[in-house]
C-alpha cells in the first residue's frame, strides 16, 4: 500500500473528508507536497507553526538538546535546564503573580490541569464556561462545550458545569460563591474570532473577585504574540488567575502549560502528593524548541511587526466591497454566506497553493492566522489571492 492507502486504512480518521495533502517538506510559510507543489500555510497549521516551518533557530535548539538528553524522568522530579530556562522566560514576560509554570503536552491537558487546581484551591466544584467556546476534546474539556453536536455523543461528562453567553453582562450574575472557576477564551476562536465588547472582560474579572472565583483565560490560540502583544489579555486591562498556553508555544512540537501563582499551584504538591502528574509533559526537547521560538519572536521583534501586518489585511479588505473581516493582530475571520461558500473557497485556494480553513462553531467564516514571521510581501500576495478567489465564486 502507498502512504495514502495506509493513511485511510490504518490511521484513525477524524472526519469523512480529510484534506489528503501528502506533505513531504516545508520551509518558511510553505508546506510542500510529494510532487513539489508549495502551499502557503495561512493558518500556521491551526496556530502551531507560529514562526513558520522548520525555523533554523528552532532546529538548532532541537538538535543541540538531542545531543544531551531527551527524557530522564516523569515531570517534576529532575532539574533540567530546558524547563527552567523556559519557565524563567515565561514568568519574565508575564505579570508578577503568574510565577509558577506547569508544563504539559497539549492545550487540552493544560485545561484539565487548570480545572483540577481551581477546584482543589477553592474547595468548590462548579465550573462556568462560555457558550461556543472550545477548550479541547478530552472528557473534562469536552464538558465545557455548549455545543452538543460535538460533546453530546460521549456524555455524560464532568458534572456541575454551567454556560454563560460571551459578552453578556447579565449572565455574570450566574457566577456565585459556589463557582470554583470561570474559564474563557480572551478572544473566542472557534466561534469565529469574537472579540470581547466594551469592558466585558473587566466586568468578568470584577465578578470573579467579588465571588472568590478563579478566572482561567485560555490563550492557547491567542498567546505568544498572535494578537500583537505577548498575550491577548494585555489589550483589555485585566490579568487572569490561571493562564493557558499551547499550540505555537511549542515551536512545532507538542507543548503547553498552565500558569498560576505559587500559592494556587502548590495545591497539587500534597494532599495527596503527586496530585497531578505527567510522563512526557515538559519534554526537554520540546522545551528547547519552545524557548528558541519565544526568543526568536523577541529578537526579531515579530510582535512589533504585527500592527503593520494587521493594517495590510484591513486595507485590502477595505478595498473589497461586501467582504467583512473580524481581526485582532494576525488572527482573523472572513465572513462569507454559508458553509457551502466556505468549502468552495477553501478547496479552490488549496488547488492554487493557499491553505485556509473554517471554524468549529462558525461554519460561515474562513480562518486566517498566518505565521508571525510572514513578510509583508508574502502577506499581500496571499491576501490578494484569497480576496480574488472569494470574489470569483
Protein backbone atom coordinates (compact mmCIF):
# COMPACT_ATOMS: atom_id res chain seq x y z
CA UNK A 1 0.00 0.00 0.00
CA UNK A 2 1.09 3.58 -0.59
CA UNK A 3 1.03 6.26 2.11
CA UNK A 4 -2.43 7.49 1.13
CA UNK A 5 -3.88 3.97 1.38
CA UNK A 6 -2.17 3.35 4.73
CA UNK A 7 -3.50 6.71 5.97
CA UNK A 8 -7.04 5.66 5.08
CA UNK A 9 -6.72 2.09 6.32
CA UNK A 10 -4.60 2.19 9.45
CA UNK A 11 -4.80 5.73 10.84
CA UNK A 12 -7.93 6.75 12.75
CA UNK A 13 -9.91 9.34 10.82
CA UNK A 14 -11.38 12.47 12.39
CA UNK A 15 -13.76 13.31 9.55
CA UNK A 16 -15.16 11.75 6.36
CA UNK A 17 -13.32 14.35 4.23
CA UNK A 18 -9.68 14.95 5.25
CA UNK A 19 -7.59 17.26 3.09
CA UNK A 20 -5.45 14.35 1.81
CA UNK A 21 -2.40 16.54 1.14
CA UNK A 22 0.69 14.32 1.12
CA UNK A 23 3.33 16.54 2.70
CA UNK A 24 7.00 15.79 2.06
CA UNK A 25 8.71 19.04 3.03
CA UNK A 26 8.35 22.56 4.37
CA UNK A 27 10.12 25.87 4.86
CA UNK A 28 9.12 29.36 5.96
CA UNK A 29 5.39 29.87 5.44
CA UNK A 30 5.22 26.96 2.97
CA UNK A 31 4.31 23.29 3.07
CA UNK A 32 5.47 21.16 0.12
CA UNK A 33 3.67 18.09 -1.20
CA UNK A 34 5.18 14.91 -2.65
CA UNK A 35 5.09 16.42 -6.15
CA UNK A 36 7.00 19.51 -5.05
CA UNK A 37 3.99 21.86 -5.06
CA UNK A 38 4.19 24.63 -2.46
CA UNK A 39 1.29 25.72 -0.27
CA UNK A 40 1.28 28.98 1.67
CA UNK A 41 0.17 28.00 5.17
CA UNK A 42 -2.10 30.90 6.04
CA UNK A 43 -3.37 29.16 9.20
CA UNK A 44 0.01 28.14 10.70
CA UNK A 45 -1.09 24.52 10.98
CA UNK A 46 -4.00 25.78 13.15
CA UNK A 47 -1.83 28.13 15.17
CA UNK A 48 1.15 25.84 15.75
CA UNK A 49 3.84 26.97 13.28
CA UNK A 50 3.86 30.48 14.69
CA UNK A 51 7.29 31.40 13.26
CA UNK A 52 6.92 29.29 10.15
CA UNK A 53 8.03 25.79 9.29
CA UNK A 54 11.50 24.41 10.03
CA UNK A 55 12.79 27.63 11.53
CA UNK A 56 16.57 27.34 11.69
CA UNK A 57 16.84 28.60 15.27
CA UNK A 58 14.32 26.02 16.44
CA UNK A 59 16.00 23.19 14.52
CA UNK A 60 19.38 24.11 16.02
CA UNK A 61 17.92 24.15 19.53
CA UNK A 62 16.30 20.74 19.00
CA UNK A 63 19.49 19.23 17.59
CA UNK A 64 21.59 20.63 20.44
CA UNK A 65 19.24 19.23 23.08
CA UNK A 66 19.06 15.76 21.50
CA UNK A 67 22.84 15.54 21.90
CA UNK A 68 22.42 15.90 25.68
CA UNK A 69 19.28 14.04 26.77
CA UNK A 70 15.72 13.56 25.54
CA UNK A 71 13.94 12.14 28.59
CA UNK A 72 15.06 11.48 32.13
CA UNK A 73 12.10 11.03 34.49
CA UNK A 74 8.43 11.87 34.94
CA UNK A 75 7.68 15.58 35.24
CA UNK A 76 8.66 17.44 38.40
CA UNK A 77 11.49 15.23 39.69
CA UNK A 78 14.69 16.23 37.90
CA UNK A 79 16.11 19.73 37.40
CA UNK A 80 16.50 20.24 33.66
CA UNK A 81 17.81 23.44 32.10
CA UNK A 82 15.40 23.46 29.13
CA UNK A 83 12.47 23.53 31.57
CA UNK A 84 13.92 26.06 33.98
CA UNK A 85 15.06 28.47 31.26
CA UNK A 86 11.67 28.30 29.57
CA UNK A 87 9.85 28.92 32.86
CA UNK A 88 12.14 31.88 33.58
CA UNK A 89 11.47 33.41 30.15
CA UNK A 90 7.72 32.96 30.54
CA UNK A 91 7.49 34.42 34.01
CA UNK A 92 9.59 37.41 32.92
CA UNK A 93 7.07 38.38 30.22
CA UNK A 94 4.01 37.75 32.42
CA UNK A 95 2.51 39.74 35.32
CA UNK A 96 4.44 39.09 38.57
CA UNK A 97 1.70 36.97 40.18
CA UNK A 98 1.82 34.42 37.33
CA UNK A 99 5.07 32.99 38.60
CA UNK A 100 4.56 29.20 38.54
CA UNK A 101 4.50 27.09 35.38
CA UNK A 102 3.27 23.53 34.89
CA UNK A 103 4.35 22.12 31.50
CA UNK A 104 2.19 19.57 29.69
CA UNK A 105 1.89 18.10 26.19
CA UNK A 106 -1.19 19.79 24.74
CA UNK A 107 -3.71 22.57 25.24
CA UNK A 108 -6.46 20.26 26.44
CA UNK A 109 -4.09 18.86 29.09
CA UNK A 110 -3.47 22.41 30.27
CA UNK A 111 -7.23 22.89 30.57
CA UNK A 112 -7.62 19.69 32.58
CA UNK A 113 -4.83 20.67 34.97
CA UNK A 114 -6.25 24.16 35.46
CA UNK A 115 -9.69 22.79 36.31
CA UNK A 116 -8.20 20.43 38.89
CA UNK A 117 -6.21 23.06 40.74
CA UNK A 118 -9.13 25.53 40.66
CA UNK A 119 -11.41 23.02 42.34
CA UNK A 120 -8.83 21.98 44.90
CA UNK A 121 -7.72 25.54 45.72
CA UNK A 122 -11.25 26.91 46.18
CA UNK A 123 -12.86 23.79 47.61
CA UNK A 124 -15.71 24.30 45.15
CA UNK A 125 -16.97 22.10 42.32
CA UNK A 126 -18.85 24.35 39.91
CA UNK A 127 -17.16 25.41 36.67
CA UNK A 128 -18.54 28.04 34.29
CA UNK A 129 -17.52 28.29 30.65
CA UNK A 130 -18.78 30.36 27.74
CA UNK A 131 -21.13 29.22 25.03
CA UNK A 132 -19.46 28.44 21.71
CA UNK A 133 -16.06 28.14 23.39
CA UNK A 134 -13.63 25.35 22.54
CA UNK A 135 -11.13 24.16 25.13
CA UNK A 136 -10.26 20.69 23.83
CA UNK A 137 -11.72 17.23 23.30
CA UNK A 138 -10.73 15.21 26.38
CA UNK A 139 -13.56 14.32 28.75
CA UNK A 140 -13.17 17.27 31.13
CA UNK A 141 -12.54 19.78 28.35
CA UNK A 142 -15.45 18.44 26.30
CA UNK A 143 -17.75 19.03 29.28
CA UNK A 144 -17.03 22.75 28.87
CA UNK A 145 -18.54 22.82 25.38
CA UNK A 146 -22.09 24.07 24.99
CA UNK A 147 -22.30 22.57 21.52
CA UNK A 148 -23.99 19.18 21.91
CA UNK A 149 -23.12 18.33 18.29
CA UNK A 150 -19.51 17.81 19.37
CA UNK A 151 -19.82 16.84 23.03
CA UNK A 152 -23.20 15.09 23.09
CA UNK A 153 -22.32 11.61 21.80
CA UNK A 154 -19.80 10.99 24.62
CA UNK A 155 -21.93 12.31 27.50
CA UNK A 156 -22.34 12.23 30.46
CA UNK A 157 -19.31 14.38 31.15
CA UNK A 158 -17.96 16.13 34.22
CA UNK A 159 -20.89 17.43 36.32
CA UNK A 160 -21.51 20.93 37.70
CA UNK A 161 -20.69 22.82 34.51
CA UNK A 162 -22.72 25.89 33.56
CA UNK A 163 -22.52 28.03 30.44
CA UNK A 164 -22.76 31.79 30.06
CA UNK A 165 -23.02 33.90 26.93
CA UNK A 166 -19.75 35.61 25.99
CA UNK A 167 -20.19 39.41 26.08
CA UNK A 168 -23.49 39.15 28.01
CA UNK A 169 -23.11 41.26 31.15
CA UNK A 170 -26.34 39.97 32.70
CA UNK A 171 -25.08 36.38 32.64
CA UNK A 172 -22.26 37.35 35.00
CA UNK A 173 -24.75 37.06 37.86
CA UNK A 174 -24.58 33.27 37.37
CA UNK A 175 -21.06 33.39 38.84
CA UNK A 176 -21.53 32.87 42.59
CA UNK A 177 -19.74 31.73 45.75
CA UNK A 178 -20.33 28.17 44.51
CA UNK A 179 -18.19 28.74 41.40
CA UNK A 180 -14.64 27.41 41.53
CA UNK A 181 -13.57 28.95 38.22
CA UNK A 182 -14.73 30.66 35.09
CA UNK A 183 -12.82 29.56 32.01
CA UNK A 184 -12.97 31.79 28.95
CA UNK A 185 -11.06 32.45 25.76
CA UNK A 186 -9.79 36.02 25.78
CA UNK A 187 -10.94 36.13 22.16
CA UNK A 188 -13.35 33.40 21.15
CA UNK A 189 -11.54 31.44 18.44
CA UNK A 190 -13.71 28.60 17.16
CA UNK A 191 -16.79 30.82 17.37
CA UNK A 192 -15.19 32.81 14.54
CA UNK A 193 -12.89 35.40 16.20
CA UNK A 194 -15.38 37.03 18.55
CA UNK A 195 -13.77 39.93 20.41
CA UNK A 196 -14.79 40.97 23.93
CA UNK A 197 -17.01 44.05 23.77
CA UNK A 198 -16.62 47.26 25.76
CA UNK A 199 -15.38 46.40 29.26
CA UNK A 200 -16.79 42.88 29.31
CA UNK A 201 -13.56 41.22 30.48
CA UNK A 202 -13.12 43.83 33.22
CA UNK A 203 -16.66 43.11 34.41
CA UNK A 204 -15.94 39.37 34.31
CA UNK A 205 -12.72 39.91 36.28
CA UNK A 206 -14.59 42.03 38.86
CA UNK A 207 -17.36 39.46 39.30
CA UNK A 208 -14.79 36.72 39.86
CA UNK A 209 -13.11 38.84 42.53
CA UNK A 210 -16.46 39.52 44.21
CA UNK A 211 -17.25 35.81 44.50
CA UNK A 212 -13.78 34.42 45.18
CA UNK A 213 -13.83 32.66 41.82
CA UNK A 214 -10.65 31.96 39.85
CA UNK A 215 -10.50 33.33 36.31
CA UNK A 216 -8.87 30.99 33.80
CA UNK A 217 -8.00 32.56 30.45
CA UNK A 218 -7.42 30.20 27.55
CA UNK A 219 -4.78 31.78 25.30
CA UNK A 220 -3.86 28.57 23.53
CA UNK A 221 -4.68 30.19 20.18
CA UNK A 222 -4.19 33.88 21.03
CA UNK A 223 -0.94 33.73 23.03
CA UNK A 224 2.71 34.07 22.03
CA UNK A 225 2.26 37.30 20.06
CA UNK A 226 -0.61 36.29 17.77
CA UNK A 227 -2.68 39.44 18.53
CA UNK A 228 0.15 41.97 18.67
CA UNK A 229 1.05 41.51 22.33
CA UNK A 230 2.59 38.52 24.07
CA UNK A 231 -0.87 37.65 25.40
CA UNK A 232 -4.26 38.94 24.29
CA UNK A 233 -5.39 39.82 27.83
CA UNK A 234 -2.86 42.68 27.74
CA UNK A 235 -5.16 44.51 25.30
CA UNK A 236 -8.04 44.56 27.78
CA UNK A 237 -6.59 45.75 31.07
CA UNK A 238 -7.07 42.55 33.07
CA UNK A 239 -4.98 39.64 34.34
CA UNK A 240 -6.10 36.03 34.87
CA UNK A 241 -5.57 33.85 37.93
CA UNK A 242 -4.59 30.96 35.67
CA UNK A 243 -3.30 31.30 32.12
CA UNK A 244 -3.30 28.56 29.48
CA UNK A 245 -0.83 28.50 26.57
CA UNK A 246 -0.22 25.96 23.83
CA UNK A 247 -0.11 25.45 20.04
CA UNK A 248 2.51 27.98 18.83
CA UNK A 249 4.11 27.87 22.29
CA UNK A 250 5.79 24.57 21.35
CA UNK A 251 7.51 25.85 18.23
CA UNK A 252 6.07 22.96 16.20
CA UNK A 253 6.45 20.32 18.90
CA UNK A 254 3.83 19.18 21.45
CA UNK A 255 4.00 21.50 24.45
CA UNK A 256 1.55 23.55 26.50
CA UNK A 257 1.33 24.97 30.01
CA UNK A 258 -0.98 26.20 32.72
CA UNK A 259 0.43 29.08 34.72
CA UNK A 260 -0.69 30.46 38.09
CA UNK A 261 0.85 31.87 41.26
CA UNK A 262 2.80 29.57 43.52
CA UNK A 263 0.10 29.53 46.21
CA UNK A 264 -2.54 28.25 43.81
CA UNK A 265 -0.20 25.83 42.08
CA UNK A 266 1.11 24.36 45.34
CA UNK A 267 -2.24 22.69 45.95
CA UNK A 268 -1.21 19.81 43.68
CA UNK A 269 2.04 19.10 45.55
CA UNK A 270 0.44 17.45 48.59
CA UNK A 271 -2.82 16.04 49.97
CA UNK A 272 -2.10 13.83 48.05
CA UNK A 273 1.47 14.18 46.84
CA UNK A 274 1.75 13.75 43.08
CA UNK A 275 -1.78 15.13 42.78
CA UNK A 276 -1.24 15.91 39.10
CA UNK A 277 1.48 14.13 37.15
CA UNK A 278 2.55 13.63 33.55
CA UNK A 279 5.15 11.34 32.00
CA UNK A 280 6.05 13.38 28.93
CA UNK A 281 4.95 16.89 29.94
CA UNK A 282 7.79 19.38 29.73
CA UNK A 283 9.88 17.12 27.49
CA UNK A 284 13.31 18.79 27.33
CA UNK A 285 13.47 18.70 23.52
CA UNK A 286 10.07 20.37 23.28
CA UNK A 287 11.11 22.94 25.89
CA UNK A 288 14.23 23.74 23.89
CA UNK A 289 12.10 24.27 20.79
CA UNK A 290 9.69 26.47 22.74
CA UNK A 291 12.40 28.66 24.22
CA UNK A 292 14.03 29.07 20.80
CA UNK A 293 10.64 30.10 19.39
CA UNK A 294 9.96 32.70 22.07
CA UNK A 295 13.48 34.10 21.78
CA UNK A 296 13.13 34.30 18.00
CA UNK A 297 9.88 36.25 18.38
CA UNK A 298 11.60 38.63 20.80
CA UNK A 299 14.90 39.04 18.96
CA UNK A 300 13.28 39.56 15.56
CA UNK A 301 10.69 41.96 17.03
CA UNK A 302 7.85 40.00 15.45
CA UNK A 303 5.30 41.32 17.93
CA UNK A 304 6.21 44.88 16.96
CA UNK A 305 5.56 43.95 13.31
CA UNK A 306 2.02 42.69 13.89
CA UNK A 307 0.27 46.09 13.83
CA UNK A 308 1.53 46.96 10.34
CA UNK A 309 0.64 43.48 9.06
CA UNK A 310 -2.84 43.80 10.54
CA UNK A 311 -3.22 47.11 8.70
CA UNK A 312 -2.20 45.46 5.42
CA UNK A 313 -5.01 42.93 5.84
CA UNK A 314 -7.54 45.58 6.85
CA UNK A 315 -6.64 47.84 3.94
CA UNK A 316 -7.02 45.02 1.44
CA UNK A 317 -10.50 44.28 2.76
CA UNK A 318 -11.46 47.97 2.78
CA UNK A 319 -10.91 47.83 -0.96
CA UNK A 320 -13.04 44.69 -1.30
CA UNK A 321 -16.69 45.82 -1.04
CA UNK A 322 -19.05 43.33 0.54
CA UNK A 323 -16.37 41.39 2.41
CA UNK A 324 -16.34 41.67 6.20
CA UNK A 325 -13.46 40.68 8.45
CA UNK A 326 -13.06 40.38 12.22
CA UNK A 327 -9.41 40.78 13.13
CA UNK A 328 -7.00 41.23 16.02
CA UNK A 329 -3.36 41.17 15.02
CA UNK A 330 -2.80 38.16 12.75
CA UNK A 331 -5.92 36.39 13.97
CA UNK A 332 -8.91 36.88 11.70
CA UNK A 333 -12.22 35.56 10.39
CA UNK A 334 -13.53 36.39 6.93
CA UNK A 335 -17.32 36.29 6.94
CA UNK A 336 -18.99 34.52 3.99
CA UNK A 337 -22.61 33.50 3.46
CA UNK A 338 -22.64 29.82 4.44
CA UNK A 339 -20.59 26.63 4.75
CA UNK A 340 -21.02 25.83 1.06
CA UNK A 341 -19.26 29.09 0.17
CA UNK A 342 -16.55 28.43 2.76
CA UNK A 343 -15.87 24.95 1.36
CA UNK A 344 -15.69 26.23 -2.20
CA UNK A 345 -13.21 28.96 -1.28
CA UNK A 346 -11.03 26.64 0.84
CA UNK A 347 -10.93 23.96 -1.85
CA UNK A 348 -10.25 26.34 -4.72
CA UNK A 349 -7.49 28.11 -2.80
CA UNK A 350 -5.86 24.80 -1.90
CA UNK A 351 -5.72 23.99 -5.61
CA UNK A 352 -3.96 27.33 -6.11
CA UNK A 353 -1.50 26.65 -3.28
CA UNK A 354 -3.03 28.58 -0.36
CA UNK A 355 -4.19 26.85 2.82
CA UNK A 356 -7.03 28.33 4.87
CA UNK A 357 -9.73 26.69 6.97
CA UNK A 358 -13.08 27.12 8.73
CA UNK A 359 -14.12 27.19 12.41
CA UNK A 360 -15.73 24.51 14.53
CA UNK A 361 -18.58 26.69 15.75
CA UNK A 362 -18.86 29.14 12.87
CA UNK A 363 -19.18 27.37 9.55
CA UNK A 364 -19.78 30.52 7.53
CA UNK A 365 -16.39 32.12 8.24
CA UNK A 366 -12.86 31.47 7.00
CA UNK A 367 -9.92 31.27 9.40
CA UNK A 368 -6.85 33.40 8.74
CA UNK A 369 -3.83 33.07 11.04
CA UNK A 370 -0.53 33.13 9.14
CA UNK A 371 2.86 32.71 10.83
CA UNK A 372 4.00 35.85 12.65
CA UNK A 373 7.17 35.68 10.55
CA UNK A 374 5.33 36.14 7.25
CA UNK A 375 6.83 39.00 5.27
CA UNK A 376 4.70 41.92 4.16
CA UNK A 377 5.14 40.92 0.52
CA UNK A 378 4.09 37.34 1.24
CA UNK A 379 1.10 38.61 3.19
CA UNK A 380 -0.02 40.98 0.41
CA UNK A 381 0.33 38.29 -2.26
CA UNK A 382 -1.73 35.73 -0.37
CA UNK A 383 -4.42 38.13 0.87
CA UNK A 384 -4.93 39.29 -2.70
CA UNK A 385 -5.29 35.68 -3.83
CA UNK A 386 -7.83 34.98 -1.07
CA UNK A 387 -9.92 38.05 -1.89
CA UNK A 388 -9.80 37.36 -5.63
CA UNK A 389 -10.89 33.79 -5.10
CA UNK A 390 -13.79 34.78 -2.85
CA UNK A 391 -14.94 37.35 -5.40
CA UNK A 392 -14.72 34.85 -8.26
CA UNK A 393 -17.24 32.46 -6.73
